[in-house]
Each structure stands twice: as structure tokens, then as C-alpha cells.
Amino acid sequence: MIEAITSLLLLVGAVFTFAGSLGLLRLPDIFCRMHATGKSSTLGVSSIVLASFVYFTFSEVGMSIKELLTIVLWRTRDALFSGSCALP
């Protein structure tokens, strides 16, 4: 069951990352390209890290603090820089 959840999360992450790379190639201007790659890579990498966290938490190794810290730092970075375009 854990392998199925991990596989699904990895597949979702790969699809979002691939969609971002297609957006980088196909969209007309730099602002649309930045938006497509920023949003999709955030979702893609977050899904892949979450898959790693789920797999290693429920495997015989036990809970790994590295994945938890990666998720926390990734979300913190997104929260810090999400409003950077609104600054004067």
C-alpha cells in the first residue's frame, strides 16, 4: 500500500515537473514562462519530497528528519518569497 502511495506521488511530481518544462518551451513571454515553471516546479518537487518522506517513514528505516526538514525549508522559502512581487 505504501508503495502505491509513493508511486502515485512520484508520478504526480513528474507530471507537474514535465508540465513546467513544456510551459517553459511553449509560452510566449518571460513572465508567463516564470509563472509556469515556478508553480509547477513547486508542486512537482513538493510531491517528490513528500513521496520520499512517506516511503522512508513507513519503511524499516523509520522516520527520517532529513525529509521533514526539507519539506519545512521548502515551504518556508515559498512563504517568504511569495509576496516579493508586491513590494514597492
PDB file of N, CA and C in Angstrom:
ATOM      1  N   MET A   1       0.807  -1.194   0.000  1.00  0.00           N
ATOM      2  CA  MET A   1       0.000   0.000   0.000  1.00  0.00           C
ATOM      3  C   MET A   1       0.855   1.266   0.000  1.00  0.00           C
ATOM      4  N   ILE A   2       1.926   1.257   0.784  1.00  0.00           N
ATOM      5  CA  ILE A   2       2.816   2.415   0.841  1.00  0.00           C
ATOM      6  C   ILE A   2       3.515   2.621  -0.499  1.00  0.00           C
ATOM      7  N   GLU A   3       3.855   1.535  -1.156  1.00  0.00           N
ATOM      8  CA  GLU A   3       4.498   1.653  -2.459  1.00  0.00           C
ATOM      9  C   GLU A   3       3.561   2.286  -3.484  1.00  0.00           C
ATOM     10  N   ALA A   4       2.261   1.990  -3.385  1.00  0.00           N
ATOM     11  CA  ALA A   4       1.294   2.585  -4.305  1.00  0.00           C
ATOM     12  C   ALA A   4       1.160   4.090  -4.064  1.00  0.00           C
ATOM     13  N   ILE A   5       1.119   4.499  -2.806  1.00  0.00           N
ATOM     14  CA  ILE A   5       1.029   5.926  -2.487  1.00  0.00           C
ATOM     15  C   ILE A   5       2.299   6.646  -2.931  1.00  0.00           C
ATOM     16  N   THR A   6       3.451   6.027  -2.676  1.00  0.00           N
ATOM     17  CA  THR A   6       4.713   6.614  -3.091  1.00  0.00           C
ATOM     18  C   THR A   6       4.789   6.730  -4.603  1.00  0.00           C
ATOM     19  N   SER A   7       4.368   5.703  -5.305  1.00  0.00           N
ATOM     20  CA  SER A   7       4.382   5.735  -6.767  1.00  0.00           C
ATOM     21  C   SER A   7       3.452   6.806  -7.311  1.00  0.00           C
ATOM     22  N   LEU A   8       2.291   6.947  -6.703  1.00  0.00           N
ATOM     23  CA  LEU A   8       1.343   7.976  -7.137  1.00  0.00           C
ATOM     24  C   LEU A   8       1.921   9.375  -6.923  1.00  0.00           C
ATOM     25  N   LEU A   9       2.527   9.612  -5.772  1.00  0.00           N
ATOM     26  CA  LEU A   9       3.131  10.915  -5.511  1.00  0.00           C
ATOM     27  C   LEU A   9       4.296  11.201  -6.452  1.00  0.00           C
ATOM     28  N   LEU A  10       5.092  10.181  -6.745  1.00  0.00           N
ATOM     29  CA  LEU A  10       6.193  10.369  -7.694  1.00  0.00           C
ATOM     30  C   LEU A  10       5.678  10.665  -9.097  1.00  0.00           C
ATOM     31  N   LEU A  11       4.612   9.992  -9.485  1.00  0.00           N
ATOM     32  CA  LEU A  11       4.018  10.231 -10.796  1.00  0.00           C
ATOM     33  C   LEU A  11       3.429  11.640 -10.889  1.00  0.00           C
ATOM     34  N   VAL A  12       2.749  12.078  -9.848  1.00  0.00           N
ATOM     35  CA  VAL A  12       2.204  13.439  -9.827  1.00  0.00           C
ATOM     36  C   VAL A  12       3.330  14.466  -9.901  1.00  0.00           C
ATOM     37  N   GLY A  13       4.394  14.238  -9.154  1.00  0.00           N
ATOM     38  CA  GLY A  13       5.541  15.146  -9.201  1.00  0.00           C
ATOM     39  C   GLY A  13       6.197  15.196 -10.566  1.00  0.00           C
ATOM     40  N   ALA A  14       6.311  14.042 -11.206  1.00  0.00           N
ATOM     41  CA  ALA A  14       6.918  14.003 -12.541  1.00  0.00           C
ATOM     42  C   ALA A  14       6.039  14.703 -13.570  1.00  0.00           C
ATOM     43  N   VAL A  15       4.720  14.532 -13.449  1.00  0.00           N
ATOM     44  CA  VAL A  15       3.803  15.187 -14.397  1.00  0.00           C
ATOM     45  C   VAL A  15       3.856  16.696 -14.244  1.00  0.00           C
ATOM     46  N   PHE A  16       3.844  17.195 -13.012  1.00  0.00           N
ATOM     47  CA  PHE A  16       3.914  18.644 -12.808  1.00  0.00           C
ATOM     48  C   PHE A  16       5.248  19.215 -13.275  1.00  0.00           C
ATOM     49  N   THR A  17       6.331  18.508 -13.017  1.00  0.00           N
ATOM     50  CA  THR A  17       7.637  18.982 -13.460  1.00  0.00           C
ATOM     51  C   THR A  17       7.728  18.982 -14.980  1.00  0.00           C
ATOM     52  N   PHE A  18       7.182  17.970 -15.619  1.00  0.00           N
ATOM     53  CA  PHE A  18       7.173  17.920 -17.079  1.00  0.00           C
ATOM     54  C   PHE A  18       6.290  19.022 -17.657  1.00  0.00           C
ATOM     55  N   ALA A  19       5.151  19.292 -17.021  1.00  0.00           N
ATOM     56  CA  ALA A  19       4.275  20.370 -17.486  1.00  0.00           C
ATOM     57  C   ALA A  19       4.971  21.721 -17.381  1.00  0.00           C
ATOM     58  N   GLY A  20       5.753  21.912 -16.342  1.00  0.00           N
ATOM     59  CA  GLY A  20       6.524  23.151 -16.213  1.00  0.00           C
ATOM     60  C   GLY A  20       7.572  23.303 -17.293  1.00  0.00           C
ATOM     61  N   SER A  21       8.209  22.213 -17.655  1.00  0.00           N
ATOM     62  CA  SER A  21       9.206  22.297 -18.733  1.00  0.00           C
ATOM     63  C   SER A  21       8.541  22.558 -20.077  1.00  0.00           C
ATOM     64  N   LEU A  22       7.349  22.007 -20.281  1.00  0.00           N
ATOM     65  CA  LEU A  22       6.614  22.336 -21.512  1.00  0.00           C
ATOM     66  C   LEU A  22       6.186  23.800 -21.530  1.00  0.00           C
ATOM     67  N   GLY A  23       5.764  24.314 -20.380  1.00  0.00           N
ATOM     68  CA  GLY A  23       5.408  25.722 -20.289  1.00  0.00           C
ATOM     69  C   GLY A  23       6.591  26.625 -20.563  1.00  0.00           C
ATOM     70  N   LEU A  24       7.764  26.202 -20.143  1.00  0.00           N
ATOM     71  CA  LEU A  24       8.973  26.977 -20.407  1.00  0.00           C
ATOM     72  C   LEU A  24       9.263  27.046 -21.898  1.00  0.00           C
ATOM     73  N   LEU A  25       8.984  25.977 -22.600  1.00  0.00           N
ATOM     74  CA  LEU A  25       9.244  25.947 -24.036  1.00  0.00           C
ATOM     75  C   LEU A  25       8.153  26.624 -24.858  1.00  0.00           C
ATOM     76  N   ARG A  26       6.901  26.527 -24.429  1.00  0.00           N
ATOM     77  CA  ARG A  26       5.789  26.918 -25.280  1.00  0.00           C
ATOM     78  C   ARG A  26       5.216  28.311 -25.032  1.00  0.00           C
ATOM     79  N   LEU A  27       5.357  28.841 -23.830  1.00  0.00           N
ATOM     80  CA  LEU A  27       4.700  30.108 -23.522  1.00  0.00           C
ATOM     81  C   LEU A  27       5.440  31.286 -24.165  1.00  0.00           C
ATOM     82  N   PRO A  28       4.710  32.378 -24.476  1.00  0.00           N
ATOM     83  CA  PRO A  28       5.268  33.425 -25.327  1.00  0.00           C
ATOM     84  C   PRO A  28       6.272  34.363 -24.661  1.00  0.00           C
ATOM     85  N   ASP A  29       6.008  34.853 -23.459  1.00  0.00           N
ATOM     86  CA  ASP A  29       6.908  35.850 -22.886  1.00  0.00           C
ATOM     87  C   ASP A  29       7.529  35.359 -21.582  1.00  0.00           C
ATOM     88  N   ILE A  30       8.463  36.157 -21.060  1.00  0.00           N
ATOM     89  CA  ILE A  30       9.253  35.734 -19.915  1.00  0.00           C
ATOM     90  C   ILE A  30       8.406  35.608 -18.651  1.00  0.00           C
ATOM     91  N   PHE A  31       7.390  36.464 -18.515  1.00  0.00           N
ATOM     92  CA  PHE A  31       6.575  36.425 -17.301  1.00  0.00           C
ATOM     93  C   PHE A  31       5.711  35.168 -17.247  1.00  0.00           C
ATOM     94  N   CYS A  32       5.154  34.785 -18.366  1.00  0.00           N
ATOM     95  CA  CYS A  32       4.380  33.537 -18.408  1.00  0.00           C
ATOM     96  C   CYS A  32       5.276  32.328 -18.179  1.00  0.00           C
ATOM     97  N   ARG A  33       6.474  32.379 -18.718  1.00  0.00           N
ATOM     98  CA  ARG A  33       7.416  31.270 -18.524  1.00  0.00           C
ATOM     99  C   ARG A  33       7.819  31.138 -17.063  1.00  0.00           C
ATOM    100  N   MET A  34       8.085  32.274 -16.413  1.00  0.00           N
ATOM    101  CA  MET A  34       8.458  32.228 -14.999  1.00  0.00           C
ATOM    102  C   MET A  34       7.302  31.709 -14.145  1.00  0.00           C
ATOM    103  N   HIS A  35       6.089  32.101 -14.473  1.00  0.00           N
ATOM    104  CA  HIS A  35       4.931  31.645 -13.710  1.00  0.00           C
ATOM    105  C   HIS A  35       4.737  30.135 -13.868  1.00  0.00           C
ATOM    106  N   ALA A  36       4.838  29.660 -15.092  1.00  0.00           N
ATOM    107  CA  ALA A  36       4.623  28.226 -15.340  1.00  0.00           C
ATOM    108  C   ALA A  36       5.673  27.370 -14.639  1.00  0.00           C
ATOM    109  N   THR A  37       6.920  27.761 -14.739  1.00  0.00           N
ATOM    110  CA  THR A  37       7.967  26.948 -14.110  1.00  0.00           C
ATOM    111  C   THR A  37       7.950  27.080 -12.599  1.00  0.00           C
ATOM    112  N   GLY A  38       7.631  28.243 -12.078  1.00  0.00           N
ATOM    113  CA  GLY A  38       7.611  28.424 -10.627  1.00  0.00           C
ATOM    114  C   GLY A  38       6.521  27.624  -9.955  1.00  0.00           C
ATOM    115  N   LYS A  39       5.323  27.704 -10.484  1.00  0.00           N
ATOM    116  CA  LYS A  39       4.203  26.991  -9.870  1.00  0.00           C
ATOM    117  C   LYS A  39       4.335  25.482 -10.029  1.00  0.00           C
ATOM    118  N   SER A  40       4.671  25.050 -11.215  1.00  0.00           N
ATOM    119  CA  SER A  40       4.714  23.607 -11.442  1.00  0.00           C
ATOM    120  C   SER A  40       5.914  22.952 -10.766  1.00  0.00           C
ATOM    121  N   SER A  41       7.037  23.642 -10.726  1.00  0.00           N
ATOM    122  CA  SER A  41       8.188  23.019 -10.063  1.00  0.00           C
ATOM    123  C   SER A  41       7.974  22.951  -8.555  1.00  0.00           C
ATOM    124  N   THR A  42       7.269  23.928  -7.986  1.00  0.00           N
ATOM    125  CA  THR A  42       6.960  23.868  -6.558  1.00  0.00           C
ATOM    126  C   THR A  42       6.088  22.660  -6.249  1.00  0.00           C
ATOM    127  N   LEU A  43       5.046  22.467  -7.043  1.00  0.00           N
ATOM    128  CA  LEU A  43       4.171  21.311  -6.820  1.00  0.00           C
ATOM    129  C   LEU A  43       4.884  19.996  -7.127  1.00  0.00           C
ATOM    130  N   GLY A  44       5.677  19.986  -8.189  1.00  0.00           N
ATOM    131  CA  GLY A  44       6.374  18.759  -8.575  1.00  0.00           C
ATOM    132  C   GLY A  44       7.401  18.316  -7.553  1.00  0.00           C
ATOM    133  N   VAL A  45       8.261  19.240  -7.135  1.00  0.00           N
ATOM    134  CA  VAL A  45       9.298  18.882  -6.171  1.00  0.00           C
ATOM    135  C   VAL A  45       8.684  18.583  -4.809  1.00  0.00           C
ATOM    136  N   SER A  46       7.634  19.309  -4.443  1.00  0.00           N
ATOM    137  CA  SER A  46       6.962  19.017  -3.168  1.00  0.00           C
ATOM    138  C   SER A  46       6.363  17.615  -3.167  1.00  0.00           C
ATOM    139  N   SER A  47       5.787  17.197  -4.284  1.00  0.00           N
ATOM    140  CA  SER A  47       5.229  15.842  -4.360  1.00  0.00           C
ATOM    141  C   SER A  47       6.321  14.787  -4.290  1.00  0.00           C
ATOM    142  N   ILE A  48       7.427  15.040  -4.930  1.00  0.00           N
ATOM    143  CA  ILE A  48       8.531  14.077  -4.912  1.00  0.00           C
ATOM    144  C   ILE A  48       9.134  13.969  -3.515  1.00  0.00           C
ATOM    145  N   VAL A  49       9.320  15.105  -2.838  1.00  0.00           N
ATOM    146  CA  VAL A  49       9.849  15.074  -1.471  1.00  0.00           C
ATOM    147  C   VAL A  49       8.851  14.412  -0.520  1.00  0.00           C
ATOM    148  N   LEU A  50       7.564  14.679  -0.720  1.00  0.00           N
ATOM    149  CA  LEU A  50       6.551  14.032   0.102  1.00  0.00           C
ATOM    150  C   LEU A  50       6.534  12.519  -0.119  1.00  0.00           C
ATOM    151  N   ALA A  51       6.748  12.077  -1.356  1.00  0.00           N
ATOM    152  CA  ALA A  51       6.843  10.643  -1.631  1.00  0.00           C
ATOM    153  C   ALA A  51       8.034  10.027  -0.901  1.00  0.00           C
ATOM    154  N   SER A  52       9.147  10.731  -0.908  1.00  0.00           N
ATOM    155  CA  SER A  52      10.317  10.250  -0.180  1.00  0.00           C
ATOM    156  C   SER A  52      10.045  10.184   1.319  1.00  0.00           C
ATOM    157  N   PHE A  53       9.377  11.196   1.833  1.00  0.00           N
ATOM    158  CA  PHE A  53       9.038  11.223   3.256  1.00  0.00           C
ATOM    159  C   PHE A  53       8.112  10.074   3.635  1.00  0.00           C
ATOM    160  N   VAL A  54       7.088   9.834   2.817  1.00  0.00           N
ATOM    161  CA  VAL A  54       6.140   8.743   3.102  1.00  0.00           C
ATOM    162  C   VAL A  54       6.842   7.392   3.039  1.00  0.00           C
ATOM    163  N   TYR A  55       7.661   7.194   2.021  1.00  0.00           N
ATOM    164  CA  TYR A  55       8.311   5.895   1.855  1.00  0.00           C
ATOM    165  C   TYR A  55       9.264   5.597   3.017  1.00  0.00           C
ATOM    166  N   PHE A  56      10.126   6.554   3.349  1.00  0.00           N
ATOM    167  CA  PHE A  56      11.116   6.279   4.386  1.00  0.00           C
ATOM    168  C   PHE A  56      10.533   6.323   5.794  1.00  0.00           C
ATOM    169  N   THR A  57       9.393   6.972   5.968  1.00  0.00           N
ATOM    170  CA  THR A  57       8.744   6.946   7.276  1.00  0.00           C
ATOM    171  C   THR A  57       8.176   5.571   7.576  1.00  0.00           C
ATOM    172  N   PHE A  58       7.573   4.935   6.573  1.00  0.00           N
ATOM    173  CA  PHE A  58       6.922   3.647   6.790  1.00  0.00           C
ATOM    174  C   PHE A  58       7.787   2.446   6.417  1.00  0.00           C
ATOM    175  N   SER A  59       9.009   2.672   6.020  1.00  0.00           N
ATOM    176  CA  SER A  59       9.903   1.540   5.761  1.00  0.00           C
ATOM    177  C   SER A  59      10.571   1.128   7.068  1.00  0.00           C
ATOM    178  N   GLU A  60      11.447   0.166   7.003  1.00  0.00           N
ATOM    179  CA  GLU A  60      12.076  -0.326   8.221  1.00  0.00           C
ATOM    180  C   GLU A  60      13.102   0.644   8.790  1.00  0.00           C
ATOM    181  N   VAL A  61      13.486   1.647   8.002  1.00  0.00           N
ATOM    182  CA  VAL A  61      14.468   2.619   8.480  1.00  0.00           C
ATOM    183  C   VAL A  61      13.863   3.522   9.545  1.00  0.00           C
ATOM    184  N   GLY A  62      12.608   3.835   9.419  1.00  0.00           N
ATOM    185  CA  GLY A  62      11.949   4.720  10.372  1.00  0.00           C
ATOM    186  C   GLY A  62      11.892   6.142   9.850  1.00  0.00           C
ATOM    187  N   MET A  63      11.416   7.036  10.692  1.00  0.00           N
ATOM    188  CA  MET A  63      11.238   8.422  10.288  1.00  0.00           C
ATOM    189  C   MET A  63      12.583   9.104  10.111  1.00  0.00           C
ATOM    190  N   SER A  64      12.734   9.762   8.980  1.00  0.00           N
ATOM    191  CA  SER A  64      13.974  10.460   8.695  1.00  0.00           C
ATOM    192  C   SER A  64      13.759  11.960   8.853  1.00  0.00           C
ATOM    193  N   ILE A  65      14.623  12.577   9.596  1.00  0.00           N
ATOM    194  CA  ILE A  65      14.496  14.006   9.842  1.00  0.00           C
ATOM    195  C   ILE A  65      14.889  14.821   8.618  1.00  0.00           C
ATOM    196  N   LYS A  66      15.663  14.223   7.713  1.00  0.00           N
ATOM    197  CA  LYS A  66      16.102  14.963   6.525  1.00  0.00           C
ATOM    198  C   LYS A  66      14.929  15.342   5.630  1.00  0.00           C
ATOM    199  N   GLU A  67      14.011  14.433   5.411  1.00  0.00           N
ATOM    200  CA  GLU A  67      12.853  14.745   4.582  1.00  0.00           C
ATOM    201  C   GLU A  67      11.949  15.774   5.252  1.00  0.00           C
ATOM    202  N   LEU A  68      11.777  15.647   6.561  1.00  0.00           N
ATOM    203  CA  LEU A  68      10.946  16.606   7.284  1.00  0.00           C
ATOM    204  C   LEU A  68      11.551  18.008   7.209  1.00  0.00           C
ATOM    205  N   LEU A  69      12.846  18.117   7.388  1.00  0.00           N
ATOM    206  CA  LEU A  69      13.498  19.419   7.289  1.00  0.00           C
ATOM    207  C   LEU A  69      13.437  19.970   5.872  1.00  0.00           C
ATOM    208  N   THR A  70      13.526  19.111   4.885  1.00  0.00           N
ATOM    209  CA  THR A  70      13.419  19.557   3.503  1.00  0.00           C
ATOM    210  C   THR A  70      12.044  20.131   3.225  1.00  0.00           C
ATOM    211  N   ILE A  71      11.002  19.476   3.686  1.00  0.00           N
ATOM    212  CA  ILE A  71       9.641  19.980   3.486  1.00  0.00           C
ATOM    213  C   ILE A  71       9.457  21.306   4.212  1.00  0.00           C
ATOM    214  N   VAL A  72       9.931  21.401   5.443  1.00  0.00           N
ATOM    215  CA  VAL A  72       9.775  22.633   6.210  1.00  0.00           C
ATOM    216  C   VAL A  72      10.532  23.779   5.540  1.00  0.00           C
ATOM    217  N   LEU A  73      11.762  23.535   5.141  1.00  0.00           N
ATOM    218  CA  LEU A  73      12.542  24.595   4.498  1.00  0.00           C
ATOM    219  C   LEU A  73      11.975  24.973   3.146  1.00  0.00           C
ATOM    220  N   TRP A  74      11.448  24.007   2.403  1.00  0.00           N
ATOM    221  CA  TRP A  74      10.856  24.305   1.098  1.00  0.00           C
ATOM    222  C   TRP A  74       9.620  25.174   1.267  1.00  0.00           C
ATOM    223  N   ARG A  75       8.759  24.842   2.216  1.00  0.00           N
ATOM    224  CA  ARG A  75       7.542  25.628   2.455  1.00  0.00           C
ATOM    225  C   ARG A  75       7.885  27.008   3.005  1.00  0.00           C
ATOM    226  N   THR A  76       8.921  27.104   3.835  1.00  0.00           N
ATOM    227  CA  THR A  76       9.321  28.394   4.382  1.00  0.00           C
ATOM    228  C   THR A  76       9.824  29.306   3.273  1.00  0.00           C
ATOM    229  N   ARG A  77      10.582  28.768   2.356  1.00  0.00           N
ATOM    230  CA  ARG A  77      11.098  29.561   1.250  1.00  0.00           C
ATOM    231  C   ARG A  77       9.953  30.077   0.389  1.00  0.00           C
ATOM    232  N   ASP A  78       8.968  29.237   0.145  1.00  0.00           N
ATOM    233  CA  ASP A  78       7.810  29.670  -0.641  1.00  0.00           C
ATOM    234  C   ASP A  78       7.024  30.752   0.080  1.00  0.00           C
ATOM    235  N   ALA A  79       6.886  30.624   1.384  1.00  0.00           N
ATOM    236  CA  ALA A  79       6.139  31.628   2.138  1.00  0.00           C
ATOM    237  C   ALA A  79       6.886  32.958   2.192  1.00  0.00           C
ATOM    238  N   LEU A  80       8.202  32.899   2.253  1.00  0.00           N
ATOM    239  CA  LEU A  80       8.979  34.130   2.307  1.00  0.00           C
ATOM    240  C   LEU A  80       8.966  34.889   0.985  1.00  0.00           C
ATOM    241  N   PHE A  81       9.047  34.177  -0.110  1.00  0.00           N
ATOM    242  CA  PHE A  81       9.186  34.828  -1.409  1.00  0.00           C
ATOM    243  C   PHE A  81       7.880  34.902  -2.190  1.00  0.00           C
ATOM    244  N   SER A  82       6.769  34.502  -1.632  1.00  0.00           N
ATOM    245  CA  SER A  82       5.519  34.523  -2.381  1.00  0.00           C
ATOM    246  C   SER A  82       5.013  35.942  -2.603  1.00  0.00           C
ATOM    247  N   GLY A  83       5.275  36.859  -1.696  1.00  0.00           N
ATOM    248  CA  GLY A  83       4.802  38.222  -1.843  1.00  0.00           C
ATOM    249  C   GLY A  83       5.866  39.190  -2.322  1.00  0.00           C
ATOM    250  N   SER A  84       6.970  38.686  -2.868  1.00  0.00           N
ATOM    251  CA  SER A  84       8.077  39.574  -3.226  1.00  0.00           C
ATOM    252  C   SER A  84       7.739  40.487  -4.396  1.00  0.00           C
ATOM    253  N   CYS A  85       6.785  40.113  -5.253  1.00  0.00           N
ATOM    254  CA  CYS A  85       6.409  40.974  -6.362  1.00  0.00           C
ATOM    255  C   CYS A  85       5.535  42.142  -5.908  1.00  0.00           C
ATOM    256  N   ALA A  86       4.921  42.049  -4.756  1.00  0.00           N
ATOM    257  CA  ALA A  86       4.025  43.084  -4.274  1.00  0.00           C
ATOM    258  C   ALA A  86       4.749  44.200  -3.525  1.00  0.00           C
ATOM    259  N   LEU A  87       6.042  44.044  -3.301  1.00  0.00           N
ATOM    260  CA  LEU A  87       6.784  45.064  -2.583  1.00  0.00           C
ATOM    261  C   LEU A  87       6.991  46.286  -3.466  1.00  0.00           C
ATOM    262  N   PRO A  88       7.023  47.479  -2.872  1.00  0.00           N
ATOM    263  CA  PRO A  88       7.218  48.695  -3.694  1.00  0.00           C
ATOM    264  C   PRO A  88       8.630  48.830  -4.206  1.00  0.00           C
TER     265      PRO A  88
END
